[in-house]
Amino acid sequence: MLIVAMIALGTAENGQLSVEGLQHLSGQMTSLYEVVRWFVYLWLISGIVLLVRFLMRIFGRR
């Protein structure tokens, strides 16, 4: 997310962002989103697995 913010702020004109100023980056941002989306899904799945394992250990001892 920091990289996207840096890219967006790098295109600012006179310190202001506008939709028109960012429009030429739409293709790059869309392809970046498609790649990053799968890493986020994997991260969420691993978090859920770790949470389930943690809860099973906590409640399995009683």
C-alpha atoms as a PDB file:
ATOM      1  CA  MET A   1       0.000   0.000   0.000  1.00  0.00           C
ATOM      2  CA  LEU A   2       2.906   2.322   0.686  1.00  0.00           C
ATOM      3  CA  ILE A   3       4.210   1.789  -2.850  1.00  0.00           C
ATOM      4  CA  VAL A   4       0.828   2.707  -4.324  1.00  0.00           C
ATOM      5  CA  ALA A   5       0.666   5.837  -2.174  1.00  0.00           C
ATOM      6  CA  MET A   6       4.167   6.863  -3.245  1.00  0.00           C
ATOM      7  CA  ILE A   7       3.315   6.333  -6.926  1.00  0.00           C
ATOM      8  CA  ALA A   8       0.085   8.306  -6.574  1.00  0.00           C
ATOM      9  CA  LEU A   9       1.745  11.161  -4.724  1.00  0.00           C
ATOM     10  CA  GLY A  10       4.513  11.223  -7.316  1.00  0.00           C
ATOM     11  CA  THR A  11       1.959  12.165  -9.953  1.00  0.00           C
ATOM     12  CA  ALA A  12       0.494  15.048  -7.931  1.00  0.00           C
ATOM     13  CA  GLU A  13       0.449  18.401  -9.683  1.00  0.00           C
ATOM     14  CA  ASN A  14       1.158  21.395  -7.454  1.00  0.00           C
ATOM     15  CA  GLY A  15       0.689  19.160  -4.416  1.00  0.00           C
ATOM     16  CA  GLN A  16      -2.850  18.131  -5.370  1.00  0.00           C
ATOM     17  CA  LEU A  17      -4.138  14.756  -6.505  1.00  0.00           C
ATOM     18  CA  SER A  18      -6.888  14.520  -9.065  1.00  0.00           C
ATOM     19  CA  VAL A  19      -8.691  11.712 -10.826  1.00  0.00           C
ATOM     20  CA  GLU A  20      -7.485  13.029 -14.148  1.00  0.00           C
ATOM     21  CA  GLY A  21      -3.894  12.979 -12.906  1.00  0.00           C
ATOM     22  CA  LEU A  22      -4.147   9.358 -11.817  1.00  0.00           C
ATOM     23  CA  GLN A  23      -6.151   8.099 -14.780  1.00  0.00           C
ATOM     24  CA  HIS A  24      -3.075   7.127 -16.802  1.00  0.00           C
ATOM     25  CA  LEU A  25      -2.043   4.746 -13.980  1.00  0.00           C
ATOM     26  CA  SER A  26      -5.297   2.769 -13.986  1.00  0.00           C
ATOM     27  CA  GLY A  27      -3.907  -0.138 -16.011  1.00  0.00           C
ATOM     28  CA  GLN A  28      -0.837  -0.501 -13.804  1.00  0.00           C
ATOM     29  CA  MET A  29      -2.851  -0.233 -10.596  1.00  0.00           C
ATOM     30  CA  THR A  30      -5.358  -2.815 -11.824  1.00  0.00           C
ATOM     31  CA  SER A  31      -2.623  -5.330 -12.641  1.00  0.00           C
ATOM     32  CA  LEU A  32      -0.914  -4.653  -9.286  1.00  0.00           C
ATOM     33  CA  TYR A  33      -4.237  -5.263  -7.523  1.00  0.00           C
ATOM     34  CA  GLU A  34      -4.692  -8.573  -9.344  1.00  0.00           C
ATOM     35  CA  VAL A  35      -1.269  -9.782  -8.157  1.00  0.00           C
ATOM     36  CA  VAL A  36      -1.511  -8.514  -4.579  1.00  0.00           C
ATOM     37  CA  ARG A  37      -5.027  -9.890  -4.144  1.00  0.00           C
ATOM     38  CA  TRP A  38      -3.774 -13.496  -4.172  1.00  0.00           C
ATOM     39  CA  PHE A  39      -1.140 -12.772  -1.524  1.00  0.00           C
ATOM     40  CA  VAL A  40      -3.811 -11.227   0.684  1.00  0.00           C
ATOM     41  CA  TYR A  41      -6.028 -14.294   0.254  1.00  0.00           C
ATOM     42  CA  LEU A  42      -3.143 -16.598   1.224  1.00  0.00           C
ATOM     43  CA  TRP A  43      -2.364 -14.407   4.237  1.00  0.00           C
ATOM     44  CA  LEU A  44      -6.007 -14.503   5.396  1.00  0.00           C
ATOM     45  CA  ILE A  45      -6.216 -18.286   4.977  1.00  0.00           C
ATOM     46  CA  SER A  46      -3.026 -18.825   6.970  1.00  0.00           C
ATOM     47  CA  GLY A  47      -4.345 -16.503   9.691  1.00  0.00           C
ATOM     48  CA  ILE A  48      -7.584 -18.448   9.926  1.00  0.00           C
ATOM     49  CA  VAL A  49      -5.686 -21.755  10.133  1.00  0.00           C
ATOM     50  CA  LEU A  50      -3.478 -20.414  12.924  1.00  0.00           C
ATOM     51  CA  LEU A  51      -6.507 -19.054  14.799  1.00  0.00           C
ATOM     52  CA  VAL A  52      -8.316 -22.407  14.558  1.00  0.00           C
ATOM     53  CA  ARG A  53      -5.205 -24.267  15.787  1.00  0.00           C
ATOM     54  CA  PHE A  54      -4.865 -21.818  18.681  1.00  0.00           C
ATOM     55  CA  LEU A  55      -8.522 -22.189  19.676  1.00  0.00           C
ATOM     56  CA  MET A  56      -8.322 -25.975  19.426  1.00  0.00           C
ATOM     57  CA  ARG A  57      -5.338 -26.025  21.787  1.00  0.00           C
ATOM     58  CA  ILE A  58      -6.984 -23.647  24.257  1.00  0.00           C
ATOM     59  CA  PHE A  59     -10.342 -25.422  24.414  1.00  0.00           C
ATOM     60  CA  GLY A  60      -9.018 -28.938  23.841  1.00  0.00           C
ATOM     61  CA  ARG A  61      -7.248 -29.107  27.207  1.00  0.00           C
ATOM     62  CA  ARG A  62     -10.424 -28.799  29.259  1.00  0.00           C
END
